[in-house]
Amino acid sequence: GGAGSPLPASPAAPRRPPDTSPFELEAGGGQAGPPRGAAFGAGDGEPAAHEAAPLLSHAAGPDGAGSSVLPAAPKRRGGHSVTFATAILLGVALCFHSVLEGAAMGAQATVSASMHIFIAVVSHKGLAAYALGSSVVDSDVSPARFWSVVGPFTLASPLGIFVGYVVSDLAAGTGAASISSMAAGTFLYVAFMEVIPKELDDKAHTLLKLAALATGYGLMSVLAIWA
């Protein structure tokens, strides 16, 4: 009838950590942050008045280190209407044409004749630069590739003027006309086989695009007659 020895106390059940989500894990060590509903300034047992949404989310990696979870960048719809190869071909044609224009300008014997060619060149040089630049940008290339195409175009006309001034006898006559014809054929191929069909694939504003094409063709034709 002696008093029995007291039973050993059972170990306390481990406390279950508060529910956490990957959005509440800290970046270092994967330690759990404050539970849901907790906010700075809220007392014990008091609901938070405002719950701030996290700007950046973090999830713990396999080694415990936190890694940032960012939303994927939106993809561009429709792809690219102009390839980089087409942009290069257009750049070569424009450079070739610019050299010939500069050569014709530098080969003139009088200032008046040079001014006529200069006005004709300046009136469409901006449009040519825009066409080339927009084609390269639409092909979505790096800045280095962009300048590798646009840079030579900016130097083509001054180079042509220098060449025309030095070899003025070769800048006129049958040889220059033949080279100009080759450049014109290159422009026609690039425009009608590469640029225009791909631009018209997008059915939006088709009539407006055709009107712009006809207007540009008419203006350049009038300018060619005047020049």
C-alpha atoms as a PDB file:
ATOM      1  CA  GLY A   1       0.000   0.000   0.000  1.00  0.00           C
ATOM      2  CA  GLY A   2       2.904   2.454  -0.424  1.00  0.00           C
ATOM      3  CA  ALA A   3       2.443   5.539  -2.423  1.00  0.00           C
ATOM      4  CA  GLY A   4       3.231   4.893  -6.023  1.00  0.00           C
ATOM      5  CA  SER A   5       5.968   6.840  -7.730  1.00  0.00           C
ATOM      6  CA  PRO A   6       4.700   9.649  -9.962  1.00  0.00           C
ATOM      7  CA  LEU A   7       4.465   8.893 -13.645  1.00  0.00           C
ATOM      8  CA  PRO A   8       7.016  10.636 -15.840  1.00  0.00           C
ATOM      9  CA  ALA A   9       5.630  13.686 -17.544  1.00  0.00           C
ATOM     10  CA  SER A  10       4.988  13.213 -21.238  1.00  0.00           C
ATOM     11  CA  PRO A  11       6.986  15.496 -23.472  1.00  0.00           C
ATOM     12  CA  ALA A  12       5.171  18.578 -24.584  1.00  0.00           C
ATOM     13  CA  ALA A  13       3.922  18.485 -28.147  1.00  0.00           C
ATOM     14  CA  PRO A  14       5.913  20.805 -30.382  1.00  0.00           C
ATOM     15  CA  ARG A  15       4.207  24.044 -31.136  1.00  0.00           C
ATOM     16  CA  ARG A  16       2.996  24.348 -34.705  1.00  0.00           C
ATOM     17  CA  PRO A  17       4.480  27.395 -36.362  1.00  0.00           C
ATOM     18  CA  PRO A  18       2.057  29.910 -37.749  1.00  0.00           C
ATOM     19  CA  ASP A  19       0.976  29.441 -41.300  1.00  0.00           C
ATOM     20  CA  THR A  20       3.377  31.001 -43.673  1.00  0.00           C
ATOM     21  CA  SER A  21       3.559  31.250 -47.409  1.00  0.00           C
ATOM     22  CA  PRO A  22       6.458  31.763 -49.765  1.00  0.00           C
ATOM     23  CA  PHE A  23       5.508  35.425 -49.837  1.00  0.00           C
ATOM     24  CA  GLU A  24       6.231  35.721 -46.103  1.00  0.00           C
ATOM     25  CA  LEU A  25       9.645  34.082 -46.071  1.00  0.00           C
ATOM     26  CA  GLU A  26      12.549  36.396 -45.634  1.00  0.00           C
ATOM     27  CA  ALA A  27      15.328  36.536 -48.193  1.00  0.00           C
ATOM     28  CA  GLY A  28      18.048  35.310 -45.826  1.00  0.00           C
ATOM     29  CA  GLY A  29      17.921  31.847 -44.292  1.00  0.00           C
ATOM     30  CA  GLY A  30      14.330  31.119 -45.156  1.00  0.00           C
ATOM     31  CA  GLN A  31      13.125  32.345 -41.700  1.00  0.00           C
ATOM     32  CA  ALA A  32       9.422  32.809 -41.329  1.00  0.00           C
ATOM     33  CA  GLY A  33       8.241  36.373 -41.152  1.00  0.00           C
ATOM     34  CA  PRO A  34       5.206  37.666 -39.312  1.00  0.00           C
ATOM     35  CA  PRO A  35       2.041  35.611 -39.730  1.00  0.00           C
ATOM     36  CA  ARG A  36      -0.785  36.630 -41.979  1.00  0.00           C
ATOM     37  CA  GLY A  37      -2.666  39.656 -40.825  1.00  0.00           C
ATOM     38  CA  ALA A  38       0.240  40.992 -38.753  1.00  0.00           C
ATOM     39  CA  ALA A  39       1.338  44.536 -39.395  1.00  0.00           C
ATOM     40  CA  PHE A  40       3.648  46.990 -37.725  1.00  0.00           C
ATOM     41  CA  GLY A  41       1.943  48.879 -34.967  1.00  0.00           C
ATOM     42  CA  ALA A  42      -0.784  46.272 -34.312  1.00  0.00           C
ATOM     43  CA  GLY A  43      -1.008  44.982 -30.759  1.00  0.00           C
ATOM     44  CA  ASP A  44      -1.352  41.385 -29.621  1.00  0.00           C
ATOM     45  CA  GLY A  45      -4.649  39.993 -30.712  1.00  0.00           C
ATOM     46  CA  GLU A  46      -5.580  43.148 -32.585  1.00  0.00           C
ATOM     47  CA  PRO A  47      -6.293  42.828 -36.293  1.00  0.00           C
ATOM     48  CA  ALA A  48      -4.208  44.967 -38.541  1.00  0.00           C
ATOM     49  CA  ALA A  49      -6.028  47.899 -40.000  1.00  0.00           C
ATOM     50  CA  HIS A  50      -4.164  47.712 -43.284  1.00  0.00           C
ATOM     51  CA  GLU A  51      -2.218  44.858 -44.772  1.00  0.00           C
ATOM     52  CA  ALA A  52       0.485  45.969 -47.200  1.00  0.00           C
ATOM     53  CA  ALA A  53       1.032  43.831 -50.263  1.00  0.00           C
ATOM     54  CA  PRO A  54       4.647  42.797 -50.815  1.00  0.00           C
ATOM     55  CA  LEU A  55       6.434  44.584 -53.626  1.00  0.00           C
ATOM     56  CA  LEU A  56       8.814  41.687 -54.189  1.00  0.00           C
ATOM     57  CA  SER A  57       8.181  38.093 -53.218  1.00  0.00           C
ATOM     58  CA  HIS A  58      10.842  35.750 -51.942  1.00  0.00           C
ATOM     59  CA  ALA A  59      10.967  31.979 -51.747  1.00  0.00           C
ATOM     60  CA  ALA A  60      13.535  29.836 -49.994  1.00  0.00           C
ATOM     61  CA  GLY A  61      15.780  27.773 -52.230  1.00  0.00           C
ATOM     62  CA  PRO A  62      16.965  24.226 -51.547  1.00  0.00           C
ATOM     63  CA  ASP A  63      19.960  25.507 -49.573  1.00  0.00           C
ATOM     64  CA  GLY A  64      17.864  27.816 -47.438  1.00  0.00           C
ATOM     65  CA  ALA A  65      18.895  30.973 -49.260  1.00  0.00           C
ATOM     66  CA  GLY A  66      16.117  33.196 -50.439  1.00  0.00           C
ATOM     67  CA  SER A  67      15.590  33.792 -54.128  1.00  0.00           C
ATOM     68  CA  SER A  68      13.486  36.518 -55.654  1.00  0.00           C
ATOM     69  CA  VAL A  69      10.350  35.479 -57.494  1.00  0.00           C
ATOM     70  CA  LEU A  70       9.544  38.083 -60.147  1.00  0.00           C
ATOM     71  CA  PRO A  71       6.769  38.040 -62.745  1.00  0.00           C
ATOM     72  CA  ALA A  72       7.835  37.196 -66.256  1.00  0.00           C
ATOM     73  CA  ALA A  73       8.085  40.069 -68.717  1.00  0.00           C
ATOM     74  CA  PRO A  74       5.174  40.284 -71.115  1.00  0.00           C
ATOM     75  CA  LYS A  75       5.882  38.866 -74.524  1.00  0.00           C
ATOM     76  CA  ARG A  76       5.435  40.928 -77.624  1.00  0.00           C
ATOM     77  CA  ARG A  77       2.480  39.912 -79.728  1.00  0.00           C
ATOM     78  CA  GLY A  78       2.771  39.338 -83.437  1.00  0.00           C
ATOM     79  CA  GLY A  79       6.544  38.916 -83.669  1.00  0.00           C
ATOM     80  CA  HIS A  80       8.755  41.140 -85.769  1.00  0.00           C
ATOM     81  CA  SER A  81       7.544  42.346 -89.162  1.00  0.00           C
ATOM     82  CA  VAL A  82      11.100  43.000 -90.408  1.00  0.00           C
ATOM     83  CA  THR A  83      14.049  40.656 -89.980  1.00  0.00           C
ATOM     84  CA  PHE A  84      17.562  41.897 -89.326  1.00  0.00           C
ATOM     85  CA  ALA A  85      18.698  40.524 -92.703  1.00  0.00           C
ATOM     86  CA  THR A  86      16.077  42.678 -94.423  1.00  0.00           C
ATOM     87  CA  ALA A  87      17.225  45.707 -92.425  1.00  0.00           C
ATOM     88  CA  ILE A  88      20.827  45.052 -93.500  1.00  0.00           C
ATOM     89  CA  LEU A  89      19.771  44.791 -97.147  1.00  0.00           C
ATOM     90  CA  LEU A  90      17.887  48.065 -96.868  1.00  0.00           C
ATOM     91  CA  GLY A  91      20.906  49.684 -95.203  1.00  0.00           C
ATOM     92  CA  VAL A  92      23.218  48.528 -97.999  1.00  0.00           C
ATOM     93  CA  ALA A  93      20.846  49.904-100.635  1.00  0.00           C
ATOM     94  CA  LEU A  94      20.516  53.247 -98.848  1.00  0.00           C
ATOM     95  CA  CYS A  95      24.282  53.535 -98.361  1.00  0.00           C
ATOM     96  CA  PHE A  96      24.862  52.737-102.024  1.00  0.00           C
ATOM     97  CA  HIS A  97      22.282  55.325-103.043  1.00  0.00           C
ATOM     98  CA  SER A  98      23.700  57.943-100.649  1.00  0.00           C
ATOM     99  CA  VAL A  99      27.221  57.505-102.001  1.00  0.00           C
ATOM    100  CA  LEU A 100      25.925  58.036-105.539  1.00  0.00           C
ATOM    101  CA  GLU A 101      23.977  61.132-104.479  1.00  0.00           C
ATOM    102  CA  GLY A 102      27.017  62.570-102.757  1.00  0.00           C
ATOM    103  CA  ALA A 103      29.210  61.792-105.746  1.00  0.00           C
ATOM    104  CA  ALA A 104      26.792  63.576-108.059  1.00  0.00           C
ATOM    105  CA  MET A 105      26.741  66.574-105.721  1.00  0.00           C
ATOM    106  CA  GLY A 106      30.515  66.746-105.421  1.00  0.00           C
ATOM    107  CA  ALA A 107      31.030  66.414-109.160  1.00  0.00           C
ATOM    108  CA  GLN A 108      29.015  69.513-110.094  1.00  0.00           C
ATOM    109  CA  ALA A 109      30.976  72.335-111.667  1.00  0.00           C
ATOM    110  CA  THR A 110      28.855  75.188-110.272  1.00  0.00           C
ATOM    111  CA  VAL A 111      27.433  76.002-106.863  1.00  0.00           C
ATOM    112  CA  SER A 112      23.937  76.439-108.323  1.00  0.00           C
ATOM    113  CA  ALA A 113      23.909  72.912-109.735  1.00  0.00           C
ATOM    114  CA  SER A 114      25.190  71.518-106.453  1.00  0.00           C
ATOM    115  CA  MET A 115      22.427  73.357-104.550  1.00  0.00           C
ATOM    116  CA  HIS A 116      19.732  71.784-106.716  1.00  0.00           C
ATOM    117  CA  ILE A 117      21.019  68.312-105.902  1.00  0.00           C
ATOM    118  CA  PHE A 118      21.504  69.263-102.259  1.00  0.00           C
ATOM    119  CA  ILE A 119      17.847  70.327-101.916  1.00  0.00           C
ATOM    120  CA  ALA A 120      16.678  67.128-103.585  1.00  0.00           C
ATOM    121  CA  VAL A 121      18.839  65.027-101.258  1.00  0.00           C
ATOM    122  CA  VAL A 122      17.874  66.839 -98.053  1.00  0.00           C
ATOM    123  CA  SER A 123      14.158  66.660 -98.857  1.00  0.00           C
ATOM    124  CA  HIS A 124      14.119  62.861 -98.664  1.00  0.00           C
ATOM    125  CA  LYS A 125      17.150  62.049 -96.494  1.00  0.00           C
ATOM    126  CA  GLY A 126      15.107  62.284 -93.295  1.00  0.00           C
ATOM    127  CA  LEU A 127      12.480  59.891 -94.649  1.00  0.00           C
ATOM    128  CA  ALA A 128      15.178  57.447 -95.726  1.00  0.00           C
ATOM    129  CA  ALA A 129      16.796  57.617 -92.286  1.00  0.00           C
ATOM    130  CA  TYR A 130      13.425  57.022 -90.621  1.00  0.00           C
ATOM    131  CA  ALA A 131      12.703  54.029 -92.857  1.00  0.00           C
ATOM    132  CA  LEU A 132      16.081  52.479 -92.075  1.00  0.00           C
ATOM    133  CA  GLY A 133      15.970  53.223 -88.354  1.00  0.00           C
ATOM    134  CA  SER A 134      12.434  51.908 -87.903  1.00  0.00           C
ATOM    135  CA  SER A 135      13.307  48.731 -89.808  1.00  0.00           C
ATOM    136  CA  VAL A 136      16.323  48.046 -87.594  1.00  0.00           C
ATOM    137  CA  VAL A 137      14.376  48.835 -84.416  1.00  0.00           C
ATOM    138  CA  ASP A 138      11.505  46.578 -85.499  1.00  0.00           C
ATOM    139  CA  SER A 139      13.951  43.697 -85.963  1.00  0.00           C
ATOM    140  CA  ASP A 140      14.647  43.979 -82.188  1.00  0.00           C
ATOM    141  CA  VAL A 141      18.456  43.903 -82.172  1.00  0.00           C
ATOM    142  CA  SER A 142      21.075  45.134 -79.740  1.00  0.00           C
ATOM    143  CA  PRO A 143      22.339  48.755 -79.816  1.00  0.00           C
ATOM    144  CA  ALA A 144      25.640  47.552 -81.281  1.00  0.00           C
ATOM    145  CA  ARG A 145      23.874  45.965 -84.251  1.00  0.00           C
ATOM    146  CA  PHE A 146      21.669  49.025 -84.628  1.00  0.00           C
ATOM    147  CA  TRP A 147      24.655  51.340 -85.018  1.00  0.00           C
ATOM    148  CA  SER A 148      26.447  48.846 -87.251  1.00  0.00           C
ATOM    149  CA  VAL A 149      23.675  49.455 -89.810  1.00  0.00           C
ATOM    150  CA  VAL A 150      22.772  53.110 -89.163  1.00  0.00           C
ATOM    151  CA  GLY A 151      26.358  54.333 -88.668  1.00  0.00           C
ATOM    152  CA  PRO A 152      27.573  53.638 -92.226  1.00  0.00           C
ATOM    153  CA  PHE A 153      24.427  55.303 -93.583  1.00  0.00           C
ATOM    154  CA  THR A 154      25.296  58.551 -91.790  1.00  0.00           C
ATOM    155  CA  LEU A 155      28.753  58.573 -93.395  1.00  0.00           C
ATOM    156  CA  ALA A 156      27.714  57.545 -96.907  1.00  0.00           C
ATOM    157  CA  SER A 157      26.744  60.976 -98.271  1.00  0.00           C
ATOM    158  CA  PRO A 158      29.885  62.831 -97.070  1.00  0.00           C
ATOM    159  CA  LEU A 159      31.986  59.999 -98.458  1.00  0.00           C
ATOM    160  CA  GLY A 160      30.191  60.256-101.794  1.00  0.00           C
ATOM    161  CA  ILE A 161      30.724  64.023-101.938  1.00  0.00           C
ATOM    162  CA  PHE A 162      34.439  63.544-101.370  1.00  0.00           C
ATOM    163  CA  VAL A 163      34.682  60.805-103.986  1.00  0.00           C
ATOM    164  CA  GLY A 164      32.690  62.862-106.496  1.00  0.00           C
ATOM    165  CA  TYR A 165      34.910  65.884-105.942  1.00  0.00           C
ATOM    166  CA  VAL A 166      38.111  63.892-106.372  1.00  0.00           C
ATOM    167  CA  VAL A 167      37.053  61.840-109.373  1.00  0.00           C
ATOM    168  CA  SER A 168      34.523  64.145-110.990  1.00  0.00           C
ATOM    169  CA  ASP A 169      35.137  62.663-114.421  1.00  0.00           C
ATOM    170  CA  LEU A 170      33.997  59.218-113.246  1.00  0.00           C
ATOM    171  CA  ALA A 171      30.919  60.502-111.405  1.00  0.00           C
ATOM    172  CA  ALA A 172      29.054  61.370-114.596  1.00  0.00           C
ATOM    173  CA  GLY A 173      28.245  59.553-117.796  1.00  0.00           C
ATOM    174  CA  THR A 174      27.312  55.953-118.585  1.00  0.00           C
ATOM    175  CA  GLY A 175      29.150  54.444-115.615  1.00  0.00           C
ATOM    176  CA  ALA A 176      27.315  56.555-113.043  1.00  0.00           C
ATOM    177  CA  ALA A 177      23.980  55.925-114.775  1.00  0.00           C
ATOM    178  CA  SER A 178      24.567  52.164-114.654  1.00  0.00           C
ATOM    179  CA  ILE A 179      25.395  52.258-110.953  1.00  0.00           C
ATOM    180  CA  SER A 180      22.320  54.417-110.285  1.00  0.00           C
ATOM    181  CA  SER A 181      20.170  51.874-112.118  1.00  0.00           C
ATOM    182  CA  MET A 182      21.539  49.085-109.928  1.00  0.00           C
ATOM    183  CA  ALA A 183      20.768  51.096-106.809  1.00  0.00           C
ATOM    184  CA  ALA A 184      17.229  51.812-108.036  1.00  0.00           C
ATOM    185  CA  GLY A 185      16.645  48.103-108.690  1.00  0.00           C
ATOM    186  CA  THR A 186      17.806  47.295-105.175  1.00  0.00           C
ATOM    187  CA  PHE A 187      15.325  49.809-103.764  1.00  0.00           C
ATOM    188  CA  LEU A 188      12.479  48.344-105.793  1.00  0.00           C
ATOM    189  CA  TYR A 189      13.277  44.820-104.621  1.00  0.00           C
ATOM    190  CA  VAL A 190      13.510  45.791-100.956  1.00  0.00           C
ATOM    191  CA  ALA A 191      10.320  47.872-101.103  1.00  0.00           C
ATOM    192  CA  PHE A 192       8.023  45.560-103.074  1.00  0.00           C
ATOM    193  CA  MET A 193       9.346  42.166-101.961  1.00  0.00           C
ATOM    194  CA  GLU A 194      10.367  42.742 -98.342  1.00  0.00           C
ATOM    195  CA  VAL A 195       8.962  45.838 -96.658  1.00  0.00           C
ATOM    196  CA  ILE A 196       5.526  46.506 -98.196  1.00  0.00           C
ATOM    197  CA  PRO A 197       4.152  42.904 -98.116  1.00  0.00           C
ATOM    198  CA  LYS A 198       5.162  42.454 -94.481  1.00  0.00           C
ATOM    199  CA  GLU A 199       3.653  45.785 -93.483  1.00  0.00           C
ATOM    200  CA  LEU A 200       0.371  44.880 -95.208  1.00  0.00           C
ATOM    201  CA  ASP A 201       0.183  41.545 -93.373  1.00  0.00           C
ATOM    202  CA  ASP A 202      -1.296  43.524 -90.515  1.00  0.00           C
ATOM    203  CA  LYS A 203      -4.824  44.231 -91.735  1.00  0.00           C
ATOM    204  CA  ALA A 204      -5.255  47.285 -89.531  1.00  0.00           C
ATOM    205  CA  HIS A 205      -5.415  50.655 -91.348  1.00  0.00           C
ATOM    206  CA  THR A 206      -4.844  49.065 -94.767  1.00  0.00           C
ATOM    207  CA  LEU A 207      -6.388  51.960 -96.707  1.00  0.00           C
ATOM    208  CA  LEU A 208      -4.340  54.466 -94.738  1.00  0.00           C
ATOM    209  CA  LYS A 209      -1.140  52.553 -95.513  1.00  0.00           C
ATOM    210  CA  LEU A 210      -1.971  52.419 -99.227  1.00  0.00           C
ATOM    211  CA  ALA A 211      -2.770  56.140 -99.221  1.00  0.00           C
ATOM    212  CA  ALA A 212       0.558  56.907 -97.552  1.00  0.00           C
ATOM    213  CA  LEU A 213       2.357  54.728-100.123  1.00  0.00           C
ATOM    214  CA  ALA A 214       0.676  56.507-103.040  1.00  0.00           C
ATOM    215  CA  THR A 215       1.349  59.933-101.512  1.00  0.00           C
ATOM    216  CA  GLY A 216       5.033  59.198-100.998  1.00  0.00           C
ATOM    217  CA  TYR A 217       5.366  57.824-104.522  1.00  0.00           C
ATOM    218  CA  GLY A 218       3.708  60.932-105.965  1.00  0.00           C
ATOM    219  CA  LEU A 219       5.831  63.364-103.967  1.00  0.00           C
ATOM    220  CA  MET A 220       9.071  61.652-104.938  1.00  0.00           C
ATOM    221  CA  SER A 221       7.985  61.607-108.596  1.00  0.00           C
ATOM    222  CA  VAL A 222       7.291  65.349-108.556  1.00  0.00           C
ATOM    223  CA  LEU A 223      10.592  65.959-106.798  1.00  0.00           C
ATOM    224  CA  ALA A 224      12.448  63.912-109.422  1.00  0.00           C
ATOM    225  CA  ILE A 225      10.872  65.964-112.214  1.00  0.00           C
ATOM    226  CA  TRP A 226      11.738  69.237-110.481  1.00  0.00           C
ATOM    227  CA  ALA A 227      15.303  68.160-109.685  1.00  0.00           C
END
